[in-house]
Amino acid sequence: MTQPNAAPSRVPAAGAPARAPLIHRVLRRPARRVLERFFDFRVEGVEHLPAAGPYIVAANHNNYLDGVVLTLALARPIAFIVMPRVYRATPLHPFLHRHVGSIPINLERPDVGALRRALERLRLGDVIGIFPEGPFSTRGRLEPGLPGVGLLALRSGVPVVPAGIRGTYEALRGRRGHVPRRHPLSVRFGPPRRYSPDGLRGRRSNRLAVTQRVMDDVAALLT
């Protein structure tokens, strides 16, 4: 049986995390001030974020703004696992994603390469961001999670921090040109959990159980 909060990290950090990308160092603070002024941007639960070492942030997903607000909510840089259509949304996107360290993943089949790259980043002490729902929610409500987050949590053993994002769906609903309307935006972090496979790492039922626990934690932050 999967045991949350019971296992030491199986992938210890190998030294300090990589230096933050230039775009993060230059734009994070002014961009956050813009969101605070025009979108009443609020962040809660920062005390739940590990002070050091690798961890995973698992959040609900409505649109591209989710990655923006999570990036601005964290002091440390975060590398997101992203779908190909997001990675290649425009001719400029691949360059930007490479610069910030995004990890492309193919959802049409098991993507072992993406898992390995994410595990390596965690081994190096970085923060990984994942949207377990996969594609954007088109209804503005939490959709079932895909088992990739459970697999990553079990294989890495690092803390998984749930995050509830509010306001991004309303800010872009019905908008042309992907320009958000002024609407309050917020991120709320919950207590982290670690998951122990107890010898069942390869079983799909175990991955699904962990995924459901993660999604339950995210859902609790949205109520």
Protein backbone atom coordinates (compact mmCIF):
# COMPACT_ATOMS: atom_id res chain seq x y z
CA MET A 1 0.00 0.00 0.00
CA THR A 2 1.25 3.47 -0.81
CA GLN A 3 2.26 5.42 2.26
CA PRO A 4 2.29 9.23 2.00
CA ASN A 5 4.71 11.22 4.16
CA ALA A 6 6.63 8.07 5.02
CA ALA A 7 9.65 7.82 2.78
CA PRO A 8 12.96 9.68 2.64
CA SER A 9 13.85 11.10 -0.74
CA ARG A 10 15.13 8.39 -3.10
CA VAL A 11 16.77 10.92 -5.40
CA PRO A 12 18.92 13.21 -3.25
CA ALA A 13 20.00 16.50 -4.68
CA ALA A 14 23.46 16.49 -6.20
CA GLY A 15 24.67 19.92 -5.25
CA ALA A 16 22.95 23.28 -5.61
CA PRO A 17 20.18 23.82 -8.17
CA ALA A 18 21.14 25.30 -11.52
CA ARG A 19 21.34 29.07 -11.87
CA ALA A 20 17.99 30.64 -12.69
CA PRO A 21 17.46 31.41 -16.40
CA LEU A 22 18.09 35.00 -17.44
CA ILE A 23 14.43 35.63 -18.23
CA HIS A 24 13.49 34.52 -14.71
CA ARG A 25 16.09 36.75 -13.06
CA VAL A 26 15.19 39.82 -15.14
CA LEU A 27 11.41 39.62 -15.51
CA ARG A 28 10.05 37.77 -12.49
CA ARG A 29 9.85 40.70 -10.07
CA PRO A 30 8.45 43.33 -12.44
CA ALA A 31 5.97 40.81 -13.90
CA ARG A 32 4.76 39.91 -10.44
CA ARG A 33 4.26 43.59 -9.59
CA VAL A 34 2.13 43.97 -12.72
CA LEU A 35 -0.07 41.03 -11.70
CA GLU A 36 -0.37 42.34 -8.15
CA ARG A 37 -1.44 45.77 -9.39
CA PHE A 38 -3.80 44.86 -12.23
CA PHE A 39 -4.95 41.34 -11.30
CA ASP A 40 -4.92 41.49 -7.50
CA PHE A 41 -2.46 38.58 -7.55
CA ARG A 42 -2.24 36.70 -4.23
CA VAL A 43 -0.14 33.75 -3.09
CA GLU A 44 -1.00 31.65 -0.03
CA GLY A 45 0.72 28.75 1.67
CA VAL A 46 4.33 29.61 0.78
CA GLU A 47 5.30 28.17 4.15
CA HIS A 48 4.57 24.73 2.66
CA LEU A 49 7.27 25.09 0.00
CA PRO A 50 10.49 23.22 0.91
CA ALA A 51 13.28 25.66 1.73
CA ALA A 52 15.82 23.66 -0.28
CA GLY A 53 16.20 20.54 -2.35
CA PRO A 54 14.09 19.12 -5.15
CA TYR A 55 10.32 18.93 -5.16
CA ILE A 56 7.35 18.63 -7.51
CA VAL A 57 4.54 21.20 -7.79
CA ALA A 58 1.27 19.63 -9.01
CA ALA A 59 -1.48 22.09 -9.99
CA ASN A 60 -4.80 22.36 -11.77
CA HIS A 61 -4.70 23.54 -15.37
CA ASN A 62 -6.98 25.96 -17.26
CA ASN A 63 -4.71 27.72 -19.78
CA TYR A 64 -1.26 29.18 -20.35
CA LEU A 65 -1.68 31.65 -17.46
CA ASP A 66 -1.27 28.79 -14.98
CA GLY A 67 2.40 28.43 -15.83
CA VAL A 68 2.86 32.18 -15.58
CA VAL A 69 1.31 32.54 -12.12
CA LEU A 70 3.16 29.51 -10.74
CA THR A 71 6.46 30.87 -12.04
CA LEU A 72 5.76 34.21 -10.35
CA ALA A 73 4.56 32.58 -7.13
CA LEU A 74 7.82 30.68 -6.55
CA ALA A 75 11.10 32.37 -5.69
CA ARG A 76 13.01 29.47 -7.28
CA PRO A 77 12.85 28.71 -11.02
CA ILE A 78 10.49 25.90 -11.99
CA ALA A 79 10.81 23.58 -14.99
CA PHE A 80 7.43 22.55 -16.39
CA ILE A 81 6.53 19.30 -18.10
CA VAL A 82 4.65 20.49 -21.21
CA MET A 83 2.79 18.95 -24.13
CA PRO A 84 4.19 19.29 -27.68
CA ARG A 85 1.44 21.71 -28.77
CA VAL A 86 2.42 24.01 -25.89
CA TYR A 87 6.14 23.56 -26.52
CA ARG A 88 5.65 24.52 -30.21
CA ALA A 89 2.73 26.95 -29.90
CA THR A 90 4.62 29.57 -31.96
CA PRO A 91 8.00 29.58 -33.74
CA LEU A 92 9.43 31.39 -30.70
CA HIS A 93 8.13 28.96 -28.09
CA PRO A 94 10.76 26.19 -28.51
CA PHE A 95 13.54 28.70 -27.91
CA LEU A 96 11.81 30.07 -24.78
CA HIS A 97 11.03 26.62 -23.43
CA ARG A 98 14.62 25.48 -23.94
CA HIS A 99 15.83 28.62 -22.16
CA VAL A 100 13.67 28.02 -19.08
CA GLY A 101 14.28 24.26 -19.09
CA SER A 102 10.80 22.98 -19.96
CA ILE A 103 10.46 19.23 -20.52
CA PRO A 104 8.28 18.23 -23.50
CA ILE A 105 6.19 15.08 -23.08
CA ASN A 106 4.16 12.97 -25.50
CA LEU A 107 0.78 12.08 -23.96
CA GLU A 108 -0.19 9.71 -26.78
CA ARG A 109 2.17 7.00 -25.50
CA PRO A 110 4.38 6.32 -22.45
CA ASP A 111 7.23 8.83 -22.73
CA VAL A 112 10.18 7.26 -20.91
CA GLY A 113 12.55 9.98 -22.14
CA ALA A 114 10.50 12.77 -20.54
CA LEU A 115 10.34 10.83 -17.26
CA ARG A 116 14.10 10.37 -17.26
CA ARG A 117 14.71 14.06 -17.94
CA ALA A 118 12.38 15.05 -15.11
CA LEU A 119 14.04 12.60 -12.71
CA GLU A 120 17.45 13.94 -13.66
CA ARG A 121 16.37 17.51 -12.96
CA LEU A 122 15.07 16.42 -9.57
CA ARG A 123 18.32 14.58 -8.89
CA LEU A 124 20.13 17.86 -9.53
CA GLY A 125 17.98 19.60 -6.93
CA ASP A 126 15.55 21.46 -9.21
CA VAL A 127 11.81 22.14 -8.95
CA ILE A 128 9.51 20.42 -11.45
CA GLY A 129 6.03 21.69 -12.29
CA ILE A 130 3.37 19.31 -13.57
CA PHE A 131 -0.29 19.69 -14.50
CA PRO A 132 -1.65 16.18 -13.85
CA GLU A 133 -4.84 16.80 -15.87
CA GLY A 134 -2.72 16.92 -19.02
CA PRO A 135 -4.60 19.12 -21.55
CA PHE A 136 -6.26 22.35 -20.46
CA SER A 137 -9.59 22.04 -18.71
CA THR A 138 -12.20 23.48 -21.08
CA ARG A 139 -14.87 23.74 -18.39
CA GLY A 140 -12.98 25.59 -15.70
CA ARG A 141 -13.17 22.71 -13.25
CA LEU A 142 -10.75 20.04 -12.10
CA GLU A 143 -10.52 17.04 -14.45
CA PRO A 144 -9.20 13.53 -13.56
CA GLY A 145 -5.44 13.27 -13.27
CA LEU A 146 -3.19 11.21 -15.53
CA PRO A 147 -0.93 8.62 -13.83
CA GLY A 148 2.31 10.35 -14.84
CA VAL A 149 2.39 12.41 -11.64
CA GLY A 150 2.03 9.24 -9.58
CA LEU A 151 4.87 7.57 -11.45
CA LEU A 152 7.13 10.61 -11.06
CA ALA A 153 6.33 10.89 -7.35
CA LEU A 154 7.07 7.22 -6.72
CA ARG A 155 10.23 7.07 -8.80
CA SER A 156 11.72 10.23 -7.29
CA GLY A 157 10.53 10.06 -3.70
CA VAL A 158 10.73 13.88 -3.47
CA PRO A 159 8.00 16.00 -1.86
CA VAL A 160 4.92 16.72 -3.97
CA VAL A 161 3.43 20.15 -3.24
CA PRO A 162 -0.19 20.57 -4.38
CA ALA A 163 -1.22 23.95 -5.79
CA GLY A 164 -4.67 25.37 -6.43
CA ILE A 165 -4.82 28.11 -9.09
CA ARG A 166 -7.84 30.41 -9.24
CA GLY A 167 -8.91 33.05 -11.73
CA THR A 168 -7.00 32.00 -14.85
CA TYR A 169 -10.05 30.38 -16.47
CA GLU A 170 -12.19 33.47 -15.94
CA ALA A 171 -9.42 35.79 -17.11
CA LEU A 172 -9.21 34.14 -20.54
CA ARG A 173 -12.69 32.70 -21.07
CA GLY A 174 -13.99 33.90 -24.43
CA ARG A 175 -11.01 36.20 -25.00
CA ARG A 176 -9.52 36.60 -28.46
CA GLY A 177 -5.79 36.89 -28.92
CA HIS A 178 -5.11 35.26 -25.53
CA VAL A 179 -5.07 38.67 -23.82
CA PRO A 180 -6.52 38.24 -20.30
CA ARG A 181 -9.23 40.47 -18.88
CA ARG A 182 -8.64 41.98 -15.44
CA HIS A 183 -9.71 39.36 -12.95
CA PRO A 184 -8.23 38.38 -9.55
CA LEU A 185 -5.59 35.65 -9.82
CA SER A 186 -4.31 33.53 -6.95
CA VAL A 187 -2.21 30.48 -6.09
CA ARG A 188 -2.61 28.47 -2.92
CA PHE A 189 -0.02 25.85 -1.91
CA GLY A 190 -0.82 22.93 0.37
CA PRO A 191 1.35 20.73 2.61
CA PRO A 192 3.77 18.51 0.69
CA ARG A 193 3.64 14.71 0.73
CA ARG A 194 6.17 12.01 -0.05
CA TYR A 195 5.11 8.63 -1.35
CA SER A 196 6.66 5.25 -0.66
CA PRO A 197 6.12 2.47 -3.23
CA ASP A 198 6.51 -0.33 -0.64
CA GLY A 199 7.80 -2.68 -3.30
CA LEU A 200 4.92 -1.90 -5.69
CA ARG A 201 6.61 0.73 -7.80
CA GLY A 202 5.81 -0.95 -11.09
CA ARG A 203 2.12 -1.55 -10.45
CA ARG A 204 -0.38 0.62 -12.23
CA SER A 205 -2.76 0.49 -9.27
CA ASN A 206 -0.14 2.12 -7.07
CA ARG A 207 0.48 4.92 -9.59
CA LEU A 208 -3.24 5.52 -9.85
CA ALA A 209 -3.63 5.63 -6.07
CA VAL A 210 -0.89 8.24 -5.74
CA THR A 211 -2.33 10.25 -8.63
CA GLN A 212 -5.73 10.29 -6.98
CA ARG A 213 -4.23 11.42 -3.68
CA VAL A 214 -2.45 14.27 -5.44
CA MET A 215 -5.65 15.31 -7.22
CA ASP A 216 -7.59 15.18 -3.95
CA ASP A 217 -5.02 17.51 -2.40
CA VAL A 218 -5.33 19.94 -5.34
CA ALA A 219 -9.14 19.78 -5.16
CA ALA A 220 -9.08 20.64 -1.45
CA LEU A 221 -7.21 23.86 -2.27
CA LEU A 222 -9.91 24.92 -4.73
CA THR A 223 -12.86 24.62 -2.32
